[in-house]
Structure formats: C-alpha cells, structure tokens
C-alpha atoms as a PDB file:
ATOM      1  CA  MET A   1      -5.976  22.179 -10.326  1.00  0.00           C
ATOM      2  CA  SER A   2      -9.661  21.172 -11.465  1.00  0.00           C
ATOM      3  CA  ALA A   3     -12.404  22.309  -9.367  1.00  0.00           C
ATOM      4  CA  VAL A   4     -12.974  18.310  -8.466  1.00  0.00           C
ATOM      5  CA  GLU A   5      -9.664  18.382  -7.020  1.00  0.00           C
ATOM      6  CA  ASP A   6     -10.351  21.525  -5.284  1.00  0.00           C
ATOM      7  CA  ARG A   7     -13.525  19.736  -3.774  1.00  0.00           C
ATOM      8  CA  LEU A   8     -11.192  16.892  -2.742  1.00  0.00           C
ATOM      9  CA  ALA A   9      -8.663  18.893  -1.070  1.00  0.00           C
ATOM     10  CA  GLU A  10     -11.401  20.299   1.033  1.00  0.00           C
ATOM     11  CA  LEU A  11     -11.840  16.918   2.335  1.00  0.00           C
ATOM     12  CA  GLY A  12      -8.135  16.294   3.024  1.00  0.00           C
ATOM     13  CA  LEU A  13      -7.580  14.059  -0.132  1.00  0.00           C
ATOM     14  CA  THR A  14      -5.329  14.462  -3.090  1.00  0.00           C
ATOM     15  CA  VAL A  15      -5.257  12.468  -6.547  1.00  0.00           C
ATOM     16  CA  PRO A  16      -2.613  10.412  -6.295  1.00  0.00           C
ATOM     17  CA  GLU A  17      -0.435   8.793  -9.152  1.00  0.00           C
ATOM     18  CA  VAL A  18      -2.032   5.949 -10.745  1.00  0.00           C
ATOM     19  CA  THR A  19      -0.735   2.624  -9.484  1.00  0.00           C
ATOM     20  CA  PRO A  20       0.637   0.424 -11.993  1.00  0.00           C
ATOM     21  CA  PRO A  21      -1.462  -2.777 -12.776  1.00  0.00           C
ATOM     22  CA  LEU A  22      -1.074  -5.625 -10.979  1.00  0.00           C
ATOM     23  CA  ALA A  23      -1.253  -7.893 -14.187  1.00  0.00           C
ATOM     24  CA  ALA A  24      -2.130  -7.593 -18.008  1.00  0.00           C
ATOM     25  CA  TYR A  25      -4.634  -4.590 -18.294  1.00  0.00           C
ATOM     26  CA  LEU A  26      -4.948  -0.964 -18.197  1.00  0.00           C
ATOM     27  CA  PRO A  27      -5.778   1.314 -15.191  1.00  0.00           C
ATOM     28  CA  ALA A  28      -8.705   3.245 -17.458  1.00  0.00           C
ATOM     29  CA  VAL A  29      -9.971   2.996 -21.276  1.00  0.00           C
ATOM     30  CA  ARG A  30     -11.927   5.522 -22.740  1.00  0.00           C
ATOM     31  CA  HIS A  31     -14.431   4.974 -25.773  1.00  0.00           C
ATOM     32  CA  GLY A  32     -16.509   7.452 -27.096  1.00  0.00           C
ATOM     33  CA  ASP A  33     -17.264   9.604 -24.188  1.00  0.00           C
ATOM     34  CA  LEU A  34     -17.234   7.123 -21.747  1.00  0.00           C
ATOM     35  CA  VAL A  35     -14.122   6.062 -19.315  1.00  0.00           C
ATOM     36  CA  PHE A  36     -14.048   2.761 -17.946  1.00  0.00           C
ATOM     37  CA  THR A  37     -11.814   2.113 -15.145  1.00  0.00           C
ATOM     38  CA  SER A  38     -10.414  -1.042 -14.051  1.00  0.00           C
ATOM     39  CA  GLY A  39     -10.815  -2.499 -10.394  1.00  0.00           C
ATOM     40  CA  GLN A  40      -9.229   0.197  -7.738  1.00  0.00           C
ATOM     41  CA  LEU A  41      -7.808  -1.296  -5.023  1.00  0.00           C
ATOM     42  CA  PRO A  42      -7.516   0.742  -1.572  1.00  0.00           C
ATOM     43  CA  MET A  43      -3.848   1.251  -2.618  1.00  0.00           C
ATOM     44  CA  VAL A  44      -2.190   4.049  -0.800  1.00  0.00           C
ATOM     45  CA  ASP A  45       1.867   4.532  -1.802  1.00  0.00           C
ATOM     46  CA  GLY A  46       1.238   1.352  -3.490  1.00  0.00           C
ATOM     47  CA  VAL A  47       0.487  -0.991  -0.377  1.00  0.00           C
ATOM     48  CA  LEU A  48      -2.697  -2.123   0.417  1.00  0.00           C
ATOM     49  CA  SER A  49      -4.363   0.148   3.326  1.00  0.00           C
ATOM     50  CA  VAL A  50      -6.206  -2.934   4.593  1.00  0.00           C
ATOM     51  CA  THR A  51      -6.763  -6.520   3.882  1.00  0.00           C
ATOM     52  CA  GLY A  52      -9.043  -9.326   5.140  1.00  0.00           C
ATOM     53  CA  LYS A  53     -12.824 -10.420   5.053  1.00  0.00           C
ATOM     54  CA  VAL A  54     -15.477  -7.570   5.764  1.00  0.00           C
ATOM     55  CA  GLY A  55     -17.887  -8.590   8.961  1.00  0.00           C
ATOM     56  CA  GLU A  56     -18.712  -8.026  12.155  1.00  0.00           C
ATOM     57  CA  GLY A  57     -16.536 -10.037  14.768  1.00  0.00           C
ATOM     58  CA  GLU A  58     -12.374 -10.933  15.607  1.00  0.00           C
ATOM     59  CA  GLY A  59     -10.358 -11.217  12.720  1.00  0.00           C
ATOM     60  CA  LEU A  60     -12.652  -9.606  10.613  1.00  0.00           C
ATOM     61  CA  VAL A  61     -12.894  -6.079   8.676  1.00  0.00           C
ATOM     62  CA  ASP A  62     -15.003  -3.960  10.466  1.00  0.00           C
ATOM     63  CA  PRO A  63     -17.739  -2.256   8.025  1.00  0.00           C
ATOM     64  CA  GLU A  64     -16.443   1.594   8.577  1.00  0.00           C
ATOM     65  CA  THR A  65     -12.805   0.667   8.136  1.00  0.00           C
ATOM     66  CA  ALA A  66     -14.269  -1.053   5.080  1.00  0.00           C
ATOM     67  CA  LYS A  67     -16.137   1.960   3.688  1.00  0.00           C
ATOM     68  CA  LYS A  68     -13.105   4.158   4.355  1.00  0.00           C
ATOM     69  CA  ALA A  69     -11.087   1.422   2.019  1.00  0.00           C
ATOM     70  CA  ALA A  70     -14.082   1.723  -0.476  1.00  0.00           C
ATOM     71  CA  GLU A  71     -13.608   5.450  -0.582  1.00  0.00           C
ATOM     72  CA  ARG A  72      -9.715   5.249  -0.924  1.00  0.00           C
ATOM     73  CA  CYS A  73     -10.633   3.144  -4.264  1.00  0.00           C
ATOM     74  CA  ALA A  74     -12.896   5.603  -5.687  1.00  0.00           C
ATOM     75  CA  VAL A  75      -9.927   8.551  -5.175  1.00  0.00           C
ATOM     76  CA  ASN A  76      -7.940   5.571  -7.048  1.00  0.00           C
ATOM     77  CA  ALA A  77     -10.620   5.363  -9.627  1.00  0.00           C
ATOM     78  CA  ILE A  78     -10.177   9.112 -10.022  1.00  0.00           C
ATOM     79  CA  ALA A  79      -6.478   8.892 -10.216  1.00  0.00           C
ATOM     80  CA  ALA A  80      -7.421   6.487 -13.459  1.00  0.00           C
ATOM     81  CA  VAL A  81      -9.481   8.904 -14.834  1.00  0.00           C
ATOM     82  CA  LYS A  82      -7.301  11.864 -14.449  1.00  0.00           C
ATOM     83  CA  ALA A  83      -4.284   9.598 -16.213  1.00  0.00           C
ATOM     84  CA  LEU A  84      -6.539   9.221 -19.280  1.00  0.00           C
ATOM     85  CA  VAL A  85      -8.250  12.767 -19.605  1.00  0.00           C
ATOM     86  CA  GLY A  86      -6.050  14.824 -18.228  1.00  0.00           C
ATOM     87  CA  ASP A  87      -8.704  17.201 -16.679  1.00  0.00           C
ATOM     88  CA  LEU A  88     -11.360  16.073 -14.346  1.00  0.00           C
ATOM     89  CA  ASP A  89     -13.255  18.976 -14.885  1.00  0.00           C
ATOM     90  CA  THR A  90     -13.985  17.468 -18.472  1.00  0.00           C
ATOM     91  CA  VAL A  91     -16.131  14.578 -16.443  1.00  0.00           C
ATOM     92  CA  THR A  92     -19.706  15.257 -17.169  1.00  0.00           C
ATOM     93  CA  ARG A  93     -21.395  12.489 -15.060  1.00  0.00           C
ATOM     94  CA  VAL A  94     -20.120   9.416 -12.969  1.00  0.00           C
ATOM     95  CA  VAL A  95     -22.346   6.882 -14.731  1.00  0.00           C
ATOM     96  CA  LYS A  96     -21.973   3.631 -12.617  1.00  0.00           C
ATOM     97  CA  VAL A  97     -20.297   2.466  -9.772  1.00  0.00           C
ATOM     98  CA  VAL A  98     -19.508  -1.747  -9.140  1.00  0.00           C
ATOM     99  CA  GLY A  99     -18.193  -2.345  -6.035  1.00  0.00           C
ATOM    100  CA  PHE A 100     -17.285  -5.546  -4.795  1.00  0.00           C
ATOM    101  CA  VAL A 101     -17.082  -6.635  -0.967  1.00  0.00           C
ATOM    102  CA  ALA A 102     -14.955  -9.560   0.072  1.00  0.00           C
ATOM    103  CA  SER A 103     -17.585 -10.673   2.866  1.00  0.00           C
ATOM    104  CA  ASP A 104     -17.800 -13.237   5.566  1.00  0.00           C
ATOM    105  CA  PRO A 105     -20.625 -15.317   4.795  1.00  0.00           C
ATOM    106  CA  SER A 106     -22.785 -14.078   7.297  1.00  0.00           C
ATOM    107  CA  PHE A 107     -22.390 -10.188   6.187  1.00  0.00           C
ATOM    108  CA  THR A 108     -25.050  -8.569   4.115  1.00  0.00           C
ATOM    109  CA  GLY A 109     -24.034  -4.791   4.520  1.00  0.00           C
ATOM    110  CA  GLN A 110     -22.472  -4.677   1.024  1.00  0.00           C
ATOM    111  CA  PRO A 111     -24.360  -1.316  -0.093  1.00  0.00           C
ATOM    112  CA  GLY A 112     -23.169   0.339   3.181  1.00  0.00           C
ATOM    113  CA  VAL A 113     -19.574  -0.323   2.503  1.00  0.00           C
ATOM    114  CA  ILE A 114     -19.467   0.764  -1.050  1.00  0.00           C
ATOM    115  CA  ASN A 115     -21.402   4.152   0.184  1.00  0.00           C
ATOM    116  CA  GLY A 116     -17.770   5.113   0.918  1.00  0.00           C
ATOM    117  CA  ALA A 117     -16.912   5.081  -2.841  1.00  0.00           C
ATOM    118  CA  SER A 118     -20.509   6.622  -3.738  1.00  0.00           C
ATOM    119  CA  GLU A 119     -20.802   9.562  -1.041  1.00  0.00           C
ATOM    120  CA  LEU A 120     -17.067  10.311  -2.091  1.00  0.00           C
ATOM    121  CA  LEU A 121     -17.737  10.513  -5.742  1.00  0.00           C
ATOM    122  CA  GLY A 122     -21.037  13.048  -4.980  1.00  0.00           C
ATOM    123  CA  LYS A 123     -18.955  15.410  -3.006  1.00  0.00           C
ATOM    124  CA  ALA A 124     -16.285  15.090  -5.665  1.00  0.00           C
ATOM    125  CA  PHE A 125     -18.132  15.928  -8.679  1.00  0.00           C
ATOM    126  CA  GLY A 126     -21.524  17.223  -7.235  1.00  0.00           C
ATOM    127  CA  ASP A 127     -24.897  16.286  -8.810  1.00  0.00           C
ATOM    128  CA  ALA A 128     -22.840  15.056 -11.563  1.00  0.00           C
ATOM    129  CA  GLY A 129     -21.446  12.408  -9.137  1.00  0.00           C
ATOM    130  CA  ILE A 130     -24.842  10.689  -8.484  1.00  0.00           C
ATOM    131  CA  HIS A 131     -24.805   7.372 -10.430  1.00  0.00           C
ATOM    132  CA  ALA A 132     -26.423   4.034 -10.914  1.00  0.00           C
ATOM    133  CA  ARG A 133     -24.492   1.236  -8.600  1.00  0.00           C
ATOM    134  CA  SER A 134     -24.125  -2.224  -7.509  1.00  0.00           C
ATOM    135  CA  ALA A 135     -22.434  -3.646  -4.701  1.00  0.00           C
ATOM    136  CA  VAL A 136     -21.972  -7.186  -4.670  1.00  0.00           C
ATOM    137  CA  GLY A 137     -20.667  -9.472  -1.871  1.00  0.00           C
ATOM    138  CA  VAL A 138     -17.760 -11.923  -3.040  1.00  0.00           C
ATOM    139  CA  ALA A 139     -15.840 -14.708  -1.411  1.00  0.00           C
ATOM    140  CA  VAL A 140     -12.128 -13.329  -2.003  1.00  0.00           C
ATOM    141  CA  LEU A 141     -10.545 -10.481  -3.880  1.00  0.00           C
ATOM    142  CA  PRO A 142      -7.149  -9.808  -5.325  1.00  0.00           C
ATOM    143  CA  MET A 143      -4.528  -9.630  -2.640  1.00  0.00           C
ATOM    144  CA  ASP A 144      -6.616 -10.028  -0.147  1.00  0.00           C
ATOM    145  CA  THR A 145      -8.415  -6.584  -0.290  1.00  0.00           C
ATOM    146  CA  PRO A 146     -11.694  -6.225   1.299  1.00  0.00           C
ATOM    147  CA  VAL A 147     -12.985  -3.766  -1.406  1.00  0.00           C
ATOM    148  CA  GLU A 148     -12.470  -3.458  -5.127  1.00  0.00           C
ATOM    149  CA  VAL A 149     -14.634  -0.456  -7.073  1.00  0.00           C
ATOM    150  CA  GLU A 150     -14.793   0.215 -10.877  1.00  0.00           C
ATOM    151  CA  ILE A 151     -16.264   3.578 -12.096  1.00  0.00           C
ATOM    152  CA  THR A 152     -17.711   4.471 -15.627  1.00  0.00           C
ATOM    153  CA  VAL A 153     -17.881   8.508 -16.425  1.00  0.00           C
ATOM    154  CA  ALA A 154     -18.657  10.285 -19.030  1.00  0.00           C
ATOM    155  CA  VAL A 155     -16.593  12.912 -20.125  1.00  0.00           C
ATOM    156  CA  SER A 156     -16.509  16.124 -22.725  1.00  0.00           C
ATOM    157  CA  ALA A 157     -14.560  16.391 -25.709  1.00  0.00           C
END
C-alpha cells in the first residue's frame, strides 16, 4: 500500500475499484507527466450516494452533504489515477481541481462544497495536494448528481 493510501486509511477511507465509464470516455488519461481524470461522481459501490440540486431548503441537498459528496468524488478520482499509474506515491503534485455543483438558482456556496474534494486531496497528498481550483455552479449534472469533480495530477516516471 502507498503512503497516500495509508493516509486515507487513517481517515477511514479506502481507494475503491474504478467505476466503469457511463459513456464513451476513459476514467483517466496520461499525457507525459500529467494524468487527467474524467469527471468523477460520488459513486459508492456503483451507486450514486446522493442526488438532487444543492441549496438551502426543503427538497434540496444541503451544502454539508454536498461537501461529503465532493470528498467521495475526490476518492473516486484518486482511484482513477491509481488504476492508470499503479502507485499513488508516484503522484508528485495535484495540479488542478475542477468541481461542478448542480445548484439551486439562489445557491452561491460552490467553493465550500468543493472544499470537500480539496481538503481530502490535501490530507491524502500533503503539501503536494495543494492545488489550483475552479468551483462552478451548473443547472444540472449527469444522473442528477449534485457534484462532479475532475483532477489533474503530475506523476514521476
């Protein structure tokens, strides 16, 4: 097991098997020393952990639940990286995180939601997990998921 997986285990998390793609794409692609993941959903054992729009109010996914979903997206992104490169200790830097939040029109807390992914990556990769980021509110995401996260990481040979 890698040091990254050891740190995740300390948080009570394990790197799952990669969820098979839902359409015509690969979970991750390597180009040179960069690995780009496809957008990862908060899947647990092949099932979305939560659905709906994020916001405050009845019938909406509350921001804290959405933040946990973003964390799960990051775990799934880590799994996509591991499936491609084998050893997570070859990751030298999390370069960029892009997070999408299916938002109620009045919701403006997308950065707080995507912090779930960013904070987990920092815990998993230490200083190498601190990254550039975008957090974007959108009208709808695939399968009515509230959150989708993609990451770009640099890896050593």
